[in-house]
C-alpha atoms as a PDB file:
ATOM      1  CA  ALA A   1      98.221  79.263 103.054  1.00  0.00           C
ATOM      2  CA  GLY A   2      97.140  82.775 102.959  1.00  0.00           C
ATOM      3  CA  VAL A   3      95.807  84.695  99.983  1.00  0.00           C
ATOM      4  CA  VAL A   4      98.593  86.299  97.856  1.00  0.00           C
ATOM      5  CA  HIS A   5      97.505  89.607  96.422  1.00  0.00           C
ATOM      6  CA  ALA A   6      99.378  90.733  93.403  1.00  0.00           C
ATOM      7  CA  GLY A   7      99.200  93.554  90.791  1.00  0.00           C
ATOM      8  CA  PRO A   8      97.108  96.719  91.165  1.00  0.00           C
ATOM      9  CA  PRO A   9      94.531  97.190  93.802  1.00  0.00           C
ATOM     10  CA  ARG A  10      91.095  95.688  93.068  1.00  0.00           C
ATOM     11  CA  GLY A  11      88.012  96.466  95.066  1.00  0.00           C
ATOM     12  CA  ASP A  12      87.961  97.790  98.475  1.00  0.00           C
ATOM     13  CA  LEU A  13      90.923  97.730 100.841  1.00  0.00           C
ATOM     14  CA  ARG A  14      89.331  97.641 104.187  1.00  0.00           C
ATOM     15  CA  PRO A  15      90.563  95.921 107.366  1.00  0.00           C
ATOM     16  CA  GLU A  16      89.220  92.585 108.104  1.00  0.00           C
ATOM     17  CA  ASP A  17      87.678  91.923 111.447  1.00  0.00           C
ATOM     18  CA  HIS A  18      90.524  89.660 112.471  1.00  0.00           C
ATOM     19  CA  GLU A  19      93.346  91.855 111.255  1.00  0.00           C
ATOM     20  CA  THR A  20      95.639  93.974 113.521  1.00  0.00           C
ATOM     21  CA  PRO A  21      96.654  97.363 112.310  1.00  0.00           C
ATOM     22  CA  THR A  22     100.050  95.910 111.357  1.00  0.00           C
ATOM     23  CA  GLU A  23      98.447  92.978 109.500  1.00  0.00           C
ATOM     24  CA  PHE A  24      96.292  95.196 107.594  1.00  0.00           C
ATOM     25  CA  ALA A  25      99.058  97.681 106.647  1.00  0.00           C
ATOM     26  CA  GLY A  26     101.133  94.690 105.387  1.00  0.00           C
ATOM     27  CA  ARG A  27      98.277  93.452 103.136  1.00  0.00           C
ATOM     28  CA  VAL A  28      97.580  97.010 101.845  1.00  0.00           C
ATOM     29  CA  SER A  29     101.236  97.576 101.032  1.00  0.00           C
ATOM     30  CA  ASP A  30     101.426  94.209  99.117  1.00  0.00           C
ATOM     31  CA  ARG A  31      98.508  95.430  96.869  1.00  0.00           C
ATOM     32  CA  LEU A  32      99.647  98.945  96.473  1.00  0.00           C
ATOM     33  CA  GLY A  33     103.344  98.159  96.068  1.00  0.00           C
ATOM     34  CA  HIS A  34     104.562 100.565  98.714  1.00  0.00           C
ATOM     35  CA  ASP A  35     104.319 101.010 102.494  1.00  0.00           C
ATOM     36  CA  LEU A  36     101.536 103.626 102.871  1.00  0.00           C
ATOM     37  CA  LEU A  37     100.037 102.673 106.083  1.00  0.00           C
ATOM     38  CA  GLY A  38     103.108 101.224 108.001  1.00  0.00           C
ATOM     39  CA  GLU A  39     103.559 104.471 110.145  1.00  0.00           C
ATOM     40  CA  LEU A  40      99.787 104.660 110.962  1.00  0.00           C
ATOM     41  CA  ALA A  41      99.549 101.146 111.913  1.00  0.00           C
ATOM     42  CA  ALA A  42     102.460 101.482 114.309  1.00  0.00           C
ATOM     43  CA  ILE A  43     100.859 104.615 115.855  1.00  0.00           C
ATOM     44  CA  GLU A  44      97.430 102.737 116.143  1.00  0.00           C
ATOM     45  CA  THR A  45      99.017  99.640 117.678  1.00  0.00           C
ATOM     46  CA  GLU A  46     100.876 101.989 120.248  1.00  0.00           C
ATOM     47  CA  ARG A  47      97.455 103.858 120.931  1.00  0.00           C
ATOM     48  CA  ARG A  48      95.769 100.622 121.417  1.00  0.00           C
ATOM     49  CA  TYR A  49      98.090  98.990 123.740  1.00  0.00           C
ATOM     50  CA  ALA A  50     100.266 101.510 125.475  1.00  0.00           C
ATOM     51  CA  PRO A  51      99.541 102.005 129.169  1.00  0.00           C
ATOM     52  CA  GLU A  52      99.039 105.745 128.702  1.00  0.00           C
ATOM     53  CA  ASP A  53      97.226 108.009 126.330  1.00  0.00           C
ATOM     54  CA  ALA A  54      99.064 108.961 123.162  1.00  0.00           C
ATOM     55  CA  SER A  55     101.075 112.200 123.303  1.00  0.00           C
ATOM     56  CA  ALA A  56     100.250 115.265 121.420  1.00  0.00           C
ATOM     57  CA  GLU A  57     103.252 114.736 119.435  1.00  0.00           C
ATOM     58  CA  LEU A  58     102.260 111.103 118.374  1.00  0.00           C
ATOM     59  CA  ALA A  59      98.809 112.535 117.602  1.00  0.00           C
ATOM     60  CA  GLY A  60     100.285 115.140 115.193  1.00  0.00           C
ATOM     61  CA  THR A  61     102.349 112.434 113.470  1.00  0.00           C
ATOM     62  CA  ALA A  62      99.185 110.471 112.953  1.00  0.00           C
ATOM     63  CA  SER A  63      97.354 113.235 111.592  1.00  0.00           C
ATOM     64  CA  ARG A  64     100.110 113.998 109.045  1.00  0.00           C
ATOM     65  CA  ALA A  65     100.379 110.349 108.145  1.00  0.00           C
ATOM     66  CA  ALA A  66      96.726 110.183 107.610  1.00  0.00           C
ATOM     67  CA  ALA A  67      96.634 113.227 105.348  1.00  0.00           C
ATOM     68  CA  ARG A  68      99.353 111.462 103.306  1.00  0.00           C
ATOM     69  CA  VAL A  69      96.887 108.661 102.944  1.00  0.00           C
ATOM     70  CA  GLY A  70      94.015 110.913 102.140  1.00  0.00           C
ATOM     71  CA  GLU A  71      96.131 112.594  99.180  1.00  0.00           C
ATOM     72  CA  PHE A  72      97.082 109.063  97.809  1.00  0.00           C
ATOM     73  CA  VAL A  73      93.463 108.139  97.783  1.00  0.00           C
ATOM     74  CA  LYS A  74      92.355 111.215  96.074  1.00  0.00           C
ATOM     75  CA  GLU A  75      95.309 111.027  93.491  1.00  0.00           C
ATOM     76  CA  THR A  76      94.584 107.334  92.698  1.00  0.00           C
ATOM     77  CA  THR A  77      90.754 107.193  92.671  1.00  0.00           C
ATOM     78  CA  THR A  78      87.958 109.088  91.039  1.00  0.00           C
ATOM     79  CA  ARG A  79      85.234 110.900  93.025  1.00  0.00           C
ATOM     80  CA  GLY A  80      82.839 108.364  92.036  1.00  0.00           C
ATOM     81  CA  GLN A  81      84.987 105.445  93.064  1.00  0.00           C
ATOM     82  CA  ARG A  82      85.285 107.060  96.566  1.00  0.00           C
ATOM     83  CA  MET A  83      81.518 107.812  96.856  1.00  0.00           C
ATOM     84  CA  ALA A  84      80.680 104.191  95.660  1.00  0.00           C
ATOM     85  CA  SER A  85      83.021 102.811  98.241  1.00  0.00           C
ATOM     86  CA  LEU A  86      81.383 105.025 101.016  1.00  0.00           C
ATOM     87  CA  VAL A  87      77.982 104.022  99.996  1.00  0.00           C
ATOM     88  CA  GLY A  88      78.878 100.450  99.842  1.00  0.00           C
ATOM     89  CA  HIS A  89      80.470 100.520 103.072  1.00  0.00           C
ATOM     90  CA  ARG A  90      77.414 102.013 104.805  1.00  0.00           C
ATOM     91  CA  SER A  91      75.072  99.830 103.328  1.00  0.00           C
ATOM     92  CA  SER A  92      76.875  96.658 104.526  1.00  0.00           C
ATOM     93  CA  SER A  93      77.369  97.904 107.970  1.00  0.00           C
ATOM     94  CA  PRO A  94      74.852  96.665 110.626  1.00  0.00           C
ATOM     95  CA  GLY A  95      71.816  98.791 110.519  1.00  0.00           C
ATOM     96  CA  GLY A  96      72.927 100.325 107.304  1.00  0.00           C
END
């Protein structure tokens, strides 16, 4: 059985190595209580697996969706939280 995440988000919300964009979006949506990443997950899946490059229209849609995610993060976290997450992410990466 999988882990059930309930309540407000705790800690980092980063993709697991084994997660597809859709799986990650679903997990994050469960934690946040709304679907913030669903559109980006669908676009990323299409980008990864489509036989041709993404269109300019799809790239624009992705940019707008990413901007909404960025605004949500800024509205729901402090600058200190964002910096701590960034520093923690870099120090845990290979060679970091």
